[in-house]
Amino acid sequence: MRGHGTYMKNGSLHASVAGAVHRVNKLISVTPLKTKYQGEIGDVVVGRITEVQQKRWKIDVNGRLDAILQLSSVNLPGGELRRRSAEDELAMRKYLKEGDLVSAEVQNVHNDGGLSLHTRSLKYGKLSQGTLLKVSPSLIKRRKTHFHRLPCGAHVILGNNGYIWISPWSVSEEETGGFAQNISVVPKDERIVVARLRNTVMALAKNGISLWDTSLTYGYDASEQYQPEELLREEVMTEVAQVTKQKLEFVTLEN
């Protein structure tokens, strides 16, 4: 069966774009390697506030259109659940203002491709200390969870939209409704862990390797023989990606 990114010619199926092949029973589709994010309900996304409007925020989620986060779709500080009042609307910039980073879940997909988000679970909300990087959404492997505490000493949020958030263990996003921020000084050794993991992710992404907790762990292990700044060199990126790919293939064969 012909899916997105394919066409029929002379009775056989051909790809109309360069990308990754996905097969679901008899349905075959091809996802382009470079594409704007097209959301699905339940996706975990990381985004940046671009505008504060009446009763809602607009968020850049790497899509064709900015996503919408309604005031009624967030938990108030402390995780409080109640009807939003005029005072809450006036205090919107105290919760989230332009430039803030947030994690959220896709609640609805509109006909024009626009997305509605929510942060009603306490695991979502404002992001404080860490680093943000952007990869192609097609490289993010869909899993049951996209929040990971990696053994190397970092928290990672793998947004389905291609935005990845990396923060050190000591900066835990506490379950307080998503607005409390930890702005204490992060020790140098933890900053080095975040920098190494960030450069490792970029190396894997540049070489087209899917990103999920296992591939990040293998990639981090492969990077430890280099200094974090050396991971920015193209030949080192290729070497780390090749070692990671071999480990992933070996585990697949074992299973």
C-alpha atoms as a PDB file:
ATOM      1  CA  MET A   1       0.000   0.000   0.000  1.00  0.00           C
ATOM      2  CA  ARG A   2       1.289   3.450  -0.951  1.00  0.00           C
ATOM      3  CA  GLY A   3       1.896   5.897   1.910  1.00  0.00           C
ATOM      4  CA  HIS A   4       3.332   9.422   2.188  1.00  0.00           C
ATOM      5  CA  GLY A   5       6.541  10.009   0.235  1.00  0.00           C
ATOM      6  CA  THR A   6       5.906   7.261  -2.348  1.00  0.00           C
ATOM      7  CA  TYR A   7       4.368   6.879  -5.816  1.00  0.00           C
ATOM      8  CA  MET A   8       3.504   4.068  -8.240  1.00  0.00           C
ATOM      9  CA  LYS A   9       5.321   3.674 -11.574  1.00  0.00           C
ATOM     10  CA  ASN A  10       4.981   0.722 -13.932  1.00  0.00           C
ATOM     11  CA  GLY A  11       3.282  -1.306 -11.223  1.00  0.00           C
ATOM     12  CA  SER A  12       6.065  -0.853  -8.630  1.00  0.00           C
ATOM     13  CA  LEU A  13       6.440   1.453  -5.633  1.00  0.00           C
ATOM     14  CA  HIS A  14       9.056   4.245  -5.708  1.00  0.00           C
ATOM     15  CA  ALA A  15      10.175   6.834  -3.145  1.00  0.00           C
ATOM     16  CA  SER A  16       9.432  10.456  -4.071  1.00  0.00           C
ATOM     17  CA  VAL A  17      11.778  11.816  -1.363  1.00  0.00           C
ATOM     18  CA  ALA A  18      15.128  10.775   0.140  1.00  0.00           C
ATOM     19  CA  GLY A  19      14.579   9.539   3.678  1.00  0.00           C
ATOM     20  CA  ALA A  20      13.825   6.704   6.062  1.00  0.00           C
ATOM     21  CA  VAL A  21      11.422   3.909   5.058  1.00  0.00           C
ATOM     22  CA  HIS A  22       8.648   3.047   7.535  1.00  0.00           C
ATOM     23  CA  ARG A  23       6.533  -0.083   7.172  1.00  0.00           C
ATOM     24  CA  VAL A  24       3.294  -0.685   9.090  1.00  0.00           C
ATOM     25  CA  ASN A  25       1.865  -4.036   7.983  1.00  0.00           C
ATOM     26  CA  LYS A  26       1.388  -3.458   4.223  1.00  0.00           C
ATOM     27  CA  LEU A  27       1.552   0.351   4.330  1.00  0.00           C
ATOM     28  CA  ILE A  28       4.928   1.775   3.253  1.00  0.00           C
ATOM     29  CA  SER A  29       5.849   5.445   3.696  1.00  0.00           C
ATOM     30  CA  VAL A  30       9.072   7.456   3.456  1.00  0.00           C
ATOM     31  CA  THR A  31       9.911  10.240   5.938  1.00  0.00           C
ATOM     32  CA  PRO A  32      12.246  12.919   4.494  1.00  0.00           C
ATOM     33  CA  LEU A  33      15.593  13.357   6.275  1.00  0.00           C
ATOM     34  CA  LYS A  34      15.014  17.120   6.450  1.00  0.00           C
ATOM     35  CA  THR A  35      11.464  18.206   7.114  1.00  0.00           C
ATOM     36  CA  LYS A  36       9.360  20.526   9.227  1.00  0.00           C
ATOM     37  CA  TYR A  37       7.720  18.874  12.220  1.00  0.00           C
ATOM     38  CA  GLN A  38       4.184  17.579  11.678  1.00  0.00           C
ATOM     39  CA  GLY A  39       2.679  16.841  15.065  1.00  0.00           C
ATOM     40  CA  GLU A  40       0.621  13.919  16.290  1.00  0.00           C
ATOM     41  CA  ILE A  41      -1.576  13.816  19.384  1.00  0.00           C
ATOM     42  CA  GLY A  42       0.449  12.611  22.371  1.00  0.00           C
ATOM     43  CA  ASP A  43       3.831  13.771  21.027  1.00  0.00           C
ATOM     44  CA  VAL A  44       6.317  15.224  23.524  1.00  0.00           C
ATOM     45  CA  VAL A  45       7.727  18.546  22.278  1.00  0.00           C
ATOM     46  CA  VAL A  46      10.248  21.112  23.471  1.00  0.00           C
ATOM     47  CA  GLY A  47       9.612  24.697  22.359  1.00  0.00           C
ATOM     48  CA  ARG A  48      10.386  28.368  22.919  1.00  0.00           C
ATOM     49  CA  ILE A  49       7.775  31.015  23.791  1.00  0.00           C
ATOM     50  CA  THR A  50       7.556  33.526  20.923  1.00  0.00           C
ATOM     51  CA  GLU A  51       4.559  35.626  21.992  1.00  0.00           C
ATOM     52  CA  VAL A  52       2.220  36.165  24.953  1.00  0.00           C
ATOM     53  CA  GLN A  53      -1.364  36.736  23.763  1.00  0.00           C
ATOM     54  CA  GLN A  54      -4.753  36.966  25.460  1.00  0.00           C
ATOM     55  CA  LYS A  55      -5.224  33.752  27.476  1.00  0.00           C
ATOM     56  CA  ARG A  56      -2.592  31.883  25.442  1.00  0.00           C
ATOM     57  CA  TRP A  57       1.084  31.628  24.529  1.00  0.00           C
ATOM     58  CA  LYS A  58       2.524  31.024  21.049  1.00  0.00           C
ATOM     59  CA  ILE A  59       5.417  28.541  20.928  1.00  0.00           C
ATOM     60  CA  ASP A  60       8.020  27.738  18.255  1.00  0.00           C
ATOM     61  CA  VAL A  61       8.025  23.928  17.898  1.00  0.00           C
ATOM     62  CA  ASN A  62       9.964  23.639  14.603  1.00  0.00           C
ATOM     63  CA  GLY A  63       6.747  23.377  12.577  1.00  0.00           C
ATOM     64  CA  ARG A  64       5.229  25.421   9.758  1.00  0.00           C
ATOM     65  CA  LEU A  65       3.101  27.266  12.310  1.00  0.00           C
ATOM     66  CA  ASP A  66       3.697  28.231  15.930  1.00  0.00           C
ATOM     67  CA  ALA A  67       1.861  25.997  18.409  1.00  0.00           C
ATOM     68  CA  ILE A  68      -0.700  27.354  20.892  1.00  0.00           C
ATOM     69  CA  LEU A  69      -0.625  26.803  24.662  1.00  0.00           C
ATOM     70  CA  GLN A  70      -3.851  27.996  26.303  1.00  0.00           C
ATOM     71  CA  LEU A  71      -3.806  29.419  29.823  1.00  0.00           C
ATOM     72  CA  SER A  72      -6.467  26.823  30.685  1.00  0.00           C
ATOM     73  CA  SER A  73      -4.074  24.031  29.538  1.00  0.00           C
ATOM     74  CA  VAL A  74      -1.342  24.618  32.127  1.00  0.00           C
ATOM     75  CA  ASN A  75      -1.028  23.766  35.800  1.00  0.00           C
ATOM     76  CA  LEU A  76      -0.712  26.806  38.014  1.00  0.00           C
ATOM     77  CA  PRO A  77       2.332  27.037  40.333  1.00  0.00           C
ATOM     78  CA  GLY A  78       2.203  24.273  42.918  1.00  0.00           C
ATOM     79  CA  GLY A  79       0.265  22.034  40.539  1.00  0.00           C
ATOM     80  CA  GLU A  80      -2.971  23.756  41.545  1.00  0.00           C
ATOM     81  CA  LEU A  81      -6.062  22.916  39.483  1.00  0.00           C
ATOM     82  CA  ARG A  82      -8.856  25.540  39.415  1.00  0.00           C
ATOM     83  CA  ARG A  83     -10.696  27.814  37.005  1.00  0.00           C
ATOM     84  CA  ARG A  84      -8.466  30.557  35.577  1.00  0.00           C
ATOM     85  CA  SER A  85      -9.420  34.069  36.667  1.00  0.00           C
ATOM     86  CA  ALA A  86      -8.695  37.553  35.321  1.00  0.00           C
ATOM     87  CA  GLU A  87      -5.819  37.771  37.844  1.00  0.00           C
ATOM     88  CA  ASP A  88      -4.232  34.669  36.289  1.00  0.00           C
ATOM     89  CA  GLU A  89      -4.494  36.243  32.852  1.00  0.00           C
ATOM     90  CA  LEU A  90      -2.759  39.418  34.074  1.00  0.00           C
ATOM     91  CA  ALA A  91       0.023  37.303  35.626  1.00  0.00           C
ATOM     92  CA  MET A  92       0.732  35.260  32.488  1.00  0.00           C
ATOM     93  CA  ARG A  93       4.222  36.736  32.054  1.00  0.00           C
ATOM     94  CA  LYS A  94       5.078  35.677  35.610  1.00  0.00           C
ATOM     95  CA  TYR A  95       4.534  32.067  34.518  1.00  0.00           C
ATOM     96  CA  LEU A  96       6.021  32.123  31.002  1.00  0.00           C
ATOM     97  CA  LYS A  97       7.425  35.012  28.989  1.00  0.00           C
ATOM     98  CA  GLU A  98       9.019  35.438  25.551  1.00  0.00           C
ATOM     99  CA  GLY A  99      12.213  33.405  25.206  1.00  0.00           C
ATOM    100  CA  ASP A 100      11.367  30.828  27.898  1.00  0.00           C
ATOM    101  CA  LEU A 101      11.787  27.153  27.028  1.00  0.00           C
ATOM    102  CA  VAL A 102       9.055  24.650  27.884  1.00  0.00           C
ATOM    103  CA  SER A 103       8.312  20.969  27.500  1.00  0.00           C
ATOM    104  CA  ALA A 104       4.726  20.047  26.610  1.00  0.00           C
ATOM    105  CA  GLU A 105       2.490  17.435  25.017  1.00  0.00           C
ATOM    106  CA  VAL A 106       0.454  17.779  21.818  1.00  0.00           C
ATOM    107  CA  GLN A 107      -3.220  17.868  22.799  1.00  0.00           C
ATOM    108  CA  ASN A 108      -4.806  18.504  19.396  1.00  0.00           C
ATOM    109  CA  VAL A 109      -3.849  18.835  15.708  1.00  0.00           C
ATOM    110  CA  HIS A 110      -5.886  21.344  13.658  1.00  0.00           C
ATOM    111  CA  ASN A 111      -6.823  21.141   9.978  1.00  0.00           C
ATOM    112  CA  ASP A 112      -4.259  23.788   9.000  1.00  0.00           C
ATOM    113  CA  GLY A 113      -1.464  21.818  10.695  1.00  0.00           C
ATOM    114  CA  GLY A 114      -1.410  24.015  13.812  1.00  0.00           C
ATOM    115  CA  LEU A 115      -0.957  22.354  17.204  1.00  0.00           C
ATOM    116  CA  SER A 116      -2.564  22.855  20.611  1.00  0.00           C
ATOM    117  CA  LEU A 117      -0.341  21.908  23.563  1.00  0.00           C
ATOM    118  CA  HIS A 118      -0.864  21.237  27.257  1.00  0.00           C
ATOM    119  CA  THR A 119       1.407  20.983  30.309  1.00  0.00           C
ATOM    120  CA  ARG A 120      -1.150  19.541  32.728  1.00  0.00           C
ATOM    121  CA  SER A 121       1.157  16.708  33.816  1.00  0.00           C
ATOM    122  CA  LEU A 122       3.726  17.789  36.428  1.00  0.00           C
ATOM    123  CA  LYS A 123       6.566  16.356  34.313  1.00  0.00           C
ATOM    124  CA  TYR A 124       5.983  19.141  31.741  1.00  0.00           C
ATOM    125  CA  GLY A 125       6.583  22.850  32.179  1.00  0.00           C
ATOM    126  CA  LYS A 126       9.313  25.487  32.188  1.00  0.00           C
ATOM    127  CA  LEU A 127      12.922  24.398  31.589  1.00  0.00           C
ATOM    128  CA  SER A 128      15.673  26.073  33.589  1.00  0.00           C
ATOM    129  CA  GLN A 129      19.386  25.181  33.277  1.00  0.00           C
ATOM    130  CA  GLY A 130      20.714  23.129  30.389  1.00  0.00           C
ATOM    131  CA  THR A 131      21.330  23.287  26.663  1.00  0.00           C
ATOM    132  CA  LEU A 132      18.993  23.102  23.674  1.00  0.00           C
ATOM    133  CA  LEU A 133      19.934  21.606  20.314  1.00  0.00           C
ATOM    134  CA  LYS A 134      18.040  21.078  17.098  1.00  0.00           C
ATOM    135  CA  VAL A 135      18.078  17.982  14.870  1.00  0.00           C
ATOM    136  CA  SER A 136      15.789  16.665  12.139  1.00  0.00           C
ATOM    137  CA  PRO A 137      12.494  15.359  13.631  1.00  0.00           C
ATOM    138  CA  SER A 138      12.895  12.183  11.527  1.00  0.00           C
ATOM    139  CA  LEU A 139      15.911  11.163  13.678  1.00  0.00           C
ATOM    140  CA  ILE A 140      13.925  11.065  16.951  1.00  0.00           C
ATOM    141  CA  LYS A 141      12.827   7.492  17.556  1.00  0.00           C
ATOM    142  CA  ARG A 142       9.267   7.226  18.870  1.00  0.00           C
ATOM    143  CA  ARG A 143       9.274   5.518  22.294  1.00  0.00           C
ATOM    144  CA  LYS A 144       6.894   5.146  25.230  1.00  0.00           C
ATOM    145  CA  THR A 145       8.856   7.797  27.126  1.00  0.00           C
ATOM    146  CA  HIS A 146      10.946  10.692  25.851  1.00  0.00           C
ATOM    147  CA  PHE A 147      12.239  11.759  29.294  1.00  0.00           C
ATOM    148  CA  HIS A 148      15.484   9.977  30.187  1.00  0.00           C
ATOM    149  CA  ARG A 149      17.925  10.022  33.097  1.00  0.00           C
ATOM    150  CA  LEU A 150      21.096   8.744  31.446  1.00  0.00           C
ATOM    151  CA  PRO A 151      23.841   6.909  33.389  1.00  0.00           C
ATOM    152  CA  CYS A 152      26.421   9.493  32.276  1.00  0.00           C
ATOM    153  CA  GLY A 153      24.878  12.083  34.627  1.00  0.00           C
ATOM    154  CA  ALA A 154      22.405  14.006  32.481  1.00  0.00           C
ATOM    155  CA  HIS A 155      18.667  14.371  31.995  1.00  0.00           C
ATOM    156  CA  VAL A 156      17.493  14.381  28.380  1.00  0.00           C
ATOM    157  CA  ILE A 157      14.140  15.321  26.825  1.00  0.00           C
ATOM    158  CA  LEU A 158      13.959  14.039  23.242  1.00  0.00           C
ATOM    159  CA  GLY A 159      11.231  16.175  21.668  1.00  0.00           C
ATOM    160  CA  ASN A 160       9.394  14.547  18.773  1.00  0.00           C
ATOM    161  CA  ASN A 161       9.746  17.915  17.031  1.00  0.00           C
ATOM    162  CA  GLY A 162      13.551  17.621  16.809  1.00  0.00           C
ATOM    163  CA  TYR A 163      14.363  19.912  19.764  1.00  0.00           C
ATOM    164  CA  ILE A 164      16.445  18.147  22.432  1.00  0.00           C
ATOM    165  CA  TRP A 165      16.970  19.470  25.978  1.00  0.00           C
ATOM    166  CA  ILE A 166      19.982  18.309  28.015  1.00  0.00           C
ATOM    167  CA  SER A 167      20.418  19.241  31.682  1.00  0.00           C
ATOM    168  CA  PRO A 168      22.666  17.942  34.520  1.00  0.00           C
ATOM    169  CA  TRP A 169      21.366  15.618  37.235  1.00  0.00           C
ATOM    170  CA  SER A 170      21.715  18.292  39.915  1.00  0.00           C
ATOM    171  CA  VAL A 171      19.191  20.504  38.068  1.00  0.00           C
ATOM    172  CA  SER A 172      16.092  18.394  38.522  1.00  0.00           C
ATOM    173  CA  GLU A 173      12.866  19.802  37.114  1.00  0.00           C
ATOM    174  CA  GLU A 174      10.946  19.329  40.352  1.00  0.00           C
ATOM    175  CA  GLU A 175       7.296  18.415  40.151  1.00  0.00           C
ATOM    176  CA  THR A 176       5.895  21.762  41.272  1.00  0.00           C
ATOM    177  CA  GLY A 177       3.639  22.539  38.352  1.00  0.00           C
ATOM    178  CA  GLY A 178       6.433  23.414  35.970  1.00  0.00           C
ATOM    179  CA  PHE A 179       7.256  27.024  36.999  1.00  0.00           C
ATOM    180  CA  ALA A 180       9.879  26.666  39.771  1.00  0.00           C
ATOM    181  CA  GLN A 181      13.405  27.245  38.471  1.00  0.00           C
ATOM    182  CA  ASN A 182      16.724  26.072  39.875  1.00  0.00           C
ATOM    183  CA  ILE A 183      19.301  28.754  39.015  1.00  0.00           C
ATOM    184  CA  SER A 184      22.090  27.605  41.350  1.00  0.00           C
ATOM    185  CA  VAL A 185      25.647  27.308  40.006  1.00  0.00           C
ATOM    186  CA  VAL A 186      26.242  24.038  38.133  1.00  0.00           C
ATOM    187  CA  PRO A 187      29.620  22.396  38.969  1.00  0.00           C
ATOM    188  CA  LYS A 188      32.206  22.304  36.181  1.00  0.00           C
ATOM    189  CA  ASP A 189      32.283  18.477  35.958  1.00  0.00           C
ATOM    190  CA  GLU A 190      28.515  18.414  35.327  1.00  0.00           C
ATOM    191  CA  ARG A 191      28.810  21.128  32.664  1.00  0.00           C
ATOM    192  CA  ILE A 192      31.471  19.006  30.936  1.00  0.00           C
ATOM    193  CA  VAL A 193      29.089  16.009  30.933  1.00  0.00           C
ATOM    194  CA  VAL A 194      26.368  18.135  29.298  1.00  0.00           C
ATOM    195  CA  ALA A 195      28.830  19.529  26.726  1.00  0.00           C
ATOM    196  CA  ARG A 196      30.135  16.036  25.867  1.00  0.00           C
ATOM    197  CA  LEU A 197      26.619  14.642  25.479  1.00  0.00           C
ATOM    198  CA  ARG A 198      25.557  17.614  23.354  1.00  0.00           C
ATOM    199  CA  ASN A 199      28.501  17.139  20.966  1.00  0.00           C
ATOM    200  CA  THR A 200      27.850  13.381  20.867  1.00  0.00           C
ATOM    201  CA  VAL A 201      24.215  13.943  19.867  1.00  0.00           C
ATOM    202  CA  MET A 202      25.313  16.278  17.078  1.00  0.00           C
ATOM    203  CA  ALA A 203      27.804  13.647  15.844  1.00  0.00           C
ATOM    204  CA  LEU A 204      25.106  10.950  15.742  1.00  0.00           C
ATOM    205  CA  ALA A 205      22.599  13.283  14.058  1.00  0.00           C
ATOM    206  CA  LYS A 206      25.096  14.373  11.404  1.00  0.00           C
ATOM    207  CA  ASN A 207      25.660  10.718  10.482  1.00  0.00           C
ATOM    208  CA  GLY A 208      21.936   9.879  10.333  1.00  0.00           C
ATOM    209  CA  ILE A 209      21.730   7.645  13.430  1.00  0.00           C
ATOM    210  CA  SER A 210      18.343   7.479  15.192  1.00  0.00           C
ATOM    211  CA  LEU A 211      18.286   9.095  18.628  1.00  0.00           C
ATOM    212  CA  TRP A 212      16.880   7.381  21.719  1.00  0.00           C
ATOM    213  CA  ASP A 213      18.253   6.586  25.177  1.00  0.00           C
ATOM    214  CA  THR A 214      20.262   3.510  24.066  1.00  0.00           C
ATOM    215  CA  SER A 215      21.979   5.190  21.110  1.00  0.00           C
ATOM    216  CA  LEU A 216      22.841   8.236  23.268  1.00  0.00           C
ATOM    217  CA  THR A 217      24.382   6.004  25.960  1.00  0.00           C
ATOM    218  CA  TYR A 218      26.470   4.060  23.430  1.00  0.00           C
ATOM    219  CA  GLY A 219      27.522   7.286  21.728  1.00  0.00           C
ATOM    220  CA  TYR A 220      28.569   8.849  25.043  1.00  0.00           C
ATOM    221  CA  ASP A 221      30.657   5.779  25.907  1.00  0.00           C
ATOM    222  CA  ALA A 222      32.343   5.930  22.487  1.00  0.00           C
ATOM    223  CA  SER A 223      33.149   9.635  22.983  1.00  0.00           C
ATOM    224  CA  GLU A 224      34.975   9.252  26.290  1.00  0.00           C
ATOM    225  CA  GLN A 225      38.386   8.731  24.638  1.00  0.00           C
ATOM    226  CA  TYR A 226      38.164  12.293  23.266  1.00  0.00           C
ATOM    227  CA  GLN A 227      37.977  15.721  24.863  1.00  0.00           C
ATOM    228  CA  PRO A 228      34.545  17.398  24.463  1.00  0.00           C
ATOM    229  CA  GLU A 229      35.951  20.040  22.086  1.00  0.00           C
ATOM    230  CA  GLU A 230      37.545  17.304  19.903  1.00  0.00           C
ATOM    231  CA  LEU A 231      34.058  15.931  19.227  1.00  0.00           C
ATOM    232  CA  LEU A 232      33.420  18.960  17.004  1.00  0.00           C
ATOM    233  CA  ARG A 233      35.986  17.714  14.466  1.00  0.00           C
ATOM    234  CA  GLU A 234      34.411  15.962  11.505  1.00  0.00           C
ATOM    235  CA  GLU A 235      36.662  12.860  11.569  1.00  0.00           C
ATOM    236  CA  VAL A 236      35.997  12.362  15.301  1.00  0.00           C
ATOM    237  CA  MET A 237      32.224  12.750  14.746  1.00  0.00           C
ATOM    238  CA  THR A 238      32.360  10.046  12.073  1.00  0.00           C
ATOM    239  CA  GLU A 239      34.412   7.727  14.313  1.00  0.00           C
ATOM    240  CA  VAL A 240      32.010   8.065  17.276  1.00  0.00           C
ATOM    241  CA  ALA A 241      29.004   7.492  14.996  1.00  0.00           C
ATOM    242  CA  GLN A 242      30.570   4.359  13.450  1.00  0.00           C
ATOM    243  CA  VAL A 243      31.363   2.828  16.863  1.00  0.00           C
ATOM    244  CA  THR A 244      27.811   3.582  18.060  1.00  0.00           C
ATOM    245  CA  LYS A 245      26.298   2.049  14.929  1.00  0.00           C
ATOM    246  CA  GLN A 246      28.364  -1.139  15.351  1.00  0.00           C
ATOM    247  CA  LYS A 247      27.228  -1.493  18.994  1.00  0.00           C
ATOM    248  CA  LEU A 248      23.579  -1.004  18.030  1.00  0.00           C
ATOM    249  CA  GLU A 249      23.848  -3.592  15.221  1.00  0.00           C
ATOM    250  CA  PHE A 250      25.551  -6.079  17.585  1.00  0.00           C
ATOM    251  CA  VAL A 251      22.786  -5.706  20.199  1.00  0.00           C
ATOM    252  CA  THR A 252      20.132  -6.117  17.474  1.00  0.00           C
ATOM    253  CA  LEU A 253      21.784  -9.338  16.252  1.00  0.00           C
ATOM    254  CA  GLU A 254      21.971 -10.686  19.836  1.00  0.00           C
ATOM    255  CA  ASN A 255      18.260 -10.066  20.345  1.00  0.00           C
END
